[in-house]
Amino acid sequence: MFSWLRRKPASNAAGIPSGAGNPGIGVKAEVGFARGGESWTEEVDVVRSAARALDHCGHEVISHETWLELPAADLSRSTGKTKKRASWPCGRT
């Protein structure tokens, strides 16, 4: 009867309603793909992936459930007198 009294669904900062199809902010994702007659899903954990990449480049990383702790807190490399950013993927194989 009074639509202005109805409770509005919750939404995130971008105004996208959250719900079963949109669980909200997180560090893990599962994405579905389909091609031809086949379909599959792939999962990614952003924190785990970032921790592995930083560790591979020689940085000390303490991984928590939703964030990373970098005790050294210096991600720049110094070459001579000027600081230069490390090339990705940091020259290691």
C-alpha atoms as a PDB file:
ATOM      1  CA  MET A   1       0.000   0.000   0.000  1.00  0.00           C
ATOM      2  CA  PHE A   2       2.606   2.588   1.046  1.00  0.00           C
ATOM      3  CA  SER A   3       5.637   1.788  -1.093  1.00  0.00           C
ATOM      4  CA  TRP A   4       7.732   4.462   0.613  1.00  0.00           C
ATOM      5  CA  LEU A   5       7.389   2.543   3.903  1.00  0.00           C
ATOM      6  CA  ARG A   6       8.753  -0.696   2.485  1.00  0.00           C
ATOM      7  CA  ARG A   7      12.239  -1.645   3.462  1.00  0.00           C
ATOM      8  CA  LYS A   8      14.680  -1.342   0.572  1.00  0.00           C
ATOM      9  CA  PRO A   9      17.153  -4.180  -0.124  1.00  0.00           C
ATOM     10  CA  ALA A  10      20.712  -3.601   1.110  1.00  0.00           C
ATOM     11  CA  SER A  11      23.237  -2.479  -1.483  1.00  0.00           C
ATOM     12  CA  ASN A  12      26.963  -1.791  -1.632  1.00  0.00           C
ATOM     13  CA  ALA A  13      28.720   1.528  -2.349  1.00  0.00           C
ATOM     14  CA  ALA A  14      28.146   1.097  -6.094  1.00  0.00           C
ATOM     15  CA  GLY A  15      24.400   0.702  -5.505  1.00  0.00           C
ATOM     16  CA  ILE A  16      24.346  -2.971  -6.514  1.00  0.00           C
ATOM     17  CA  PRO A  17      21.900  -4.941  -4.360  1.00  0.00           C
ATOM     18  CA  SER A  18      23.538  -7.704  -2.344  1.00  0.00           C
ATOM     19  CA  GLY A  19      21.934 -11.097  -2.179  1.00  0.00           C
ATOM     20  CA  ALA A  20      22.537 -14.716  -3.027  1.00  0.00           C
ATOM     21  CA  GLY A  21      23.881 -13.829  -6.480  1.00  0.00           C
ATOM     22  CA  ASN A  22      25.974 -10.963  -5.117  1.00  0.00           C
ATOM     23  CA  PRO A  23      27.376 -11.853  -1.685  1.00  0.00           C
ATOM     24  CA  GLY A  24      29.249  -8.536  -1.352  1.00  0.00           C
ATOM     25  CA  ILE A  25      32.878  -7.689  -0.772  1.00  0.00           C
ATOM     26  CA  GLY A  26      35.293 -10.584  -0.367  1.00  0.00           C
ATOM     27  CA  VAL A  27      38.686 -12.009  -1.287  1.00  0.00           C
ATOM     28  CA  LYS A  28      37.546 -15.273  -2.863  1.00  0.00           C
ATOM     29  CA  ALA A  29      35.665 -15.757  -6.101  1.00  0.00           C
ATOM     30  CA  GLU A  30      34.212 -18.610  -8.089  1.00  0.00           C
ATOM     31  CA  VAL A  31      33.585 -17.939 -11.763  1.00  0.00           C
ATOM     32  CA  GLY A  32      31.652 -20.133 -14.166  1.00  0.00           C
ATOM     33  CA  PHE A  33      32.587 -20.540 -17.824  1.00  0.00           C
ATOM     34  CA  ALA A  34      30.895 -22.245 -20.756  1.00  0.00           C
ATOM     35  CA  ARG A  35      32.103 -22.990 -24.258  1.00  0.00           C
ATOM     36  CA  GLY A  36      30.330 -25.194 -26.718  1.00  0.00           C
ATOM     37  CA  GLY A  37      28.814 -28.083 -24.819  1.00  0.00           C
ATOM     38  CA  GLU A  38      31.149 -27.922 -21.826  1.00  0.00           C
ATOM     39  CA  SER A  39      31.090 -25.767 -18.708  1.00  0.00           C
ATOM     40  CA  TRP A  40      33.419 -25.425 -15.718  1.00  0.00           C
ATOM     41  CA  THR A  41      34.146 -23.242 -12.721  1.00  0.00           C
ATOM     42  CA  GLU A  42      37.399 -21.787 -11.498  1.00  0.00           C
ATOM     43  CA  GLU A  43      38.157 -20.449  -8.041  1.00  0.00           C
ATOM     44  CA  VAL A  44      40.556 -17.709  -6.986  1.00  0.00           C
ATOM     45  CA  ASP A  45      41.653 -16.493  -3.558  1.00  0.00           C
ATOM     46  CA  VAL A  46      43.120 -13.013  -4.082  1.00  0.00           C
ATOM     47  CA  VAL A  47      44.964 -12.945  -0.733  1.00  0.00           C
ATOM     48  CA  ARG A  48      46.571 -16.342  -1.346  1.00  0.00           C
ATOM     49  CA  SER A  49      47.563 -15.419  -4.907  1.00  0.00           C
ATOM     50  CA  ALA A  50      49.092 -12.105  -3.822  1.00  0.00           C
ATOM     51  CA  ALA A  51      50.969 -13.792  -0.958  1.00  0.00           C
ATOM     52  CA  ARG A  52      52.439 -16.396  -3.317  1.00  0.00           C
ATOM     53  CA  ALA A  53      53.516 -13.729  -5.811  1.00  0.00           C
ATOM     54  CA  LEU A  54      55.164 -11.569  -3.121  1.00  0.00           C
ATOM     55  CA  ASP A  55      56.857 -14.602  -1.573  1.00  0.00           C
ATOM     56  CA  HIS A  56      58.115 -15.666  -5.000  1.00  0.00           C
ATOM     57  CA  CYS A  57      59.678 -12.212  -5.395  1.00  0.00           C
ATOM     58  CA  GLY A  58      61.511 -12.602  -2.078  1.00  0.00           C
ATOM     59  CA  HIS A  59      59.276 -10.540   0.212  1.00  0.00           C
ATOM     60  CA  GLU A  60      58.408 -11.710   3.711  1.00  0.00           C
ATOM     61  CA  VAL A  61      54.640 -12.149   3.857  1.00  0.00           C
ATOM     62  CA  ILE A  62      52.348 -13.135   6.705  1.00  0.00           C
ATOM     63  CA  SER A  63      49.020 -14.209   5.240  1.00  0.00           C
ATOM     64  CA  HIS A  64      45.791 -13.715   7.182  1.00  0.00           C
ATOM     65  CA  GLU A  65      42.297 -14.702   6.088  1.00  0.00           C
ATOM     66  CA  THR A  66      41.432 -11.413   4.363  1.00  0.00           C
ATOM     67  CA  TRP A  67      44.670  -9.385   4.354  1.00  0.00           C
ATOM     68  CA  LEU A  68      48.444  -9.591   4.102  1.00  0.00           C
ATOM     69  CA  GLU A  69      51.050  -8.387   6.560  1.00  0.00           C
ATOM     70  CA  LEU A  70      54.366  -7.236   5.085  1.00  0.00           C
ATOM     71  CA  PRO A  71      56.815  -6.903   8.006  1.00  0.00           C
ATOM     72  CA  ALA A  72      59.550  -5.270   5.895  1.00  0.00           C
ATOM     73  CA  ALA A  73      56.977  -2.823   4.431  1.00  0.00           C
ATOM     74  CA  ASP A  74      59.351  -1.791   1.626  1.00  0.00           C
ATOM     75  CA  LEU A  75      58.304  -3.121  -1.749  1.00  0.00           C
ATOM     76  CA  SER A  76      60.696  -0.980  -3.764  1.00  0.00           C
ATOM     77  CA  ARG A  77      64.066  -2.113  -5.040  1.00  0.00           C
ATOM     78  CA  SER A  78      67.065   0.133  -4.953  1.00  0.00           C
ATOM     79  CA  THR A  79      69.566   0.143  -7.811  1.00  0.00           C
ATOM     80  CA  GLY A  80      72.346   2.625  -7.248  1.00  0.00           C
ATOM     81  CA  LYS A  81      71.205   6.083  -6.197  1.00  0.00           C
ATOM     82  CA  THR A  82      67.671   5.920  -7.569  1.00  0.00           C
ATOM     83  CA  LYS A  83      64.842   3.646  -6.556  1.00  0.00           C
ATOM     84  CA  LYS A  84      63.395   1.604  -9.357  1.00  0.00           C
ATOM     85  CA  ARG A  85      60.280  -0.503  -9.234  1.00  0.00           C
ATOM     86  CA  ALA A  86      60.765  -4.214  -9.577  1.00  0.00           C
ATOM     87  CA  SER A  87      59.749  -5.594 -12.932  1.00  0.00           C
ATOM     88  CA  TRP A  88      56.934  -8.100 -12.878  1.00  0.00           C
ATOM     89  CA  PRO A  89      57.311 -10.945 -12.186  1.00  0.00           C
ATOM     90  CA  CYS A  90      60.452  -9.725 -10.407  1.00  0.00           C
ATOM     91  CA  GLY A  91      62.935 -11.434 -12.712  1.00  0.00           C
ATOM     92  CA  ARG A  92      62.637 -14.838 -11.011  1.00  0.00           C
ATOM     93  CA  THR A  93      61.600 -17.966 -12.784  1.00  0.00           C
END
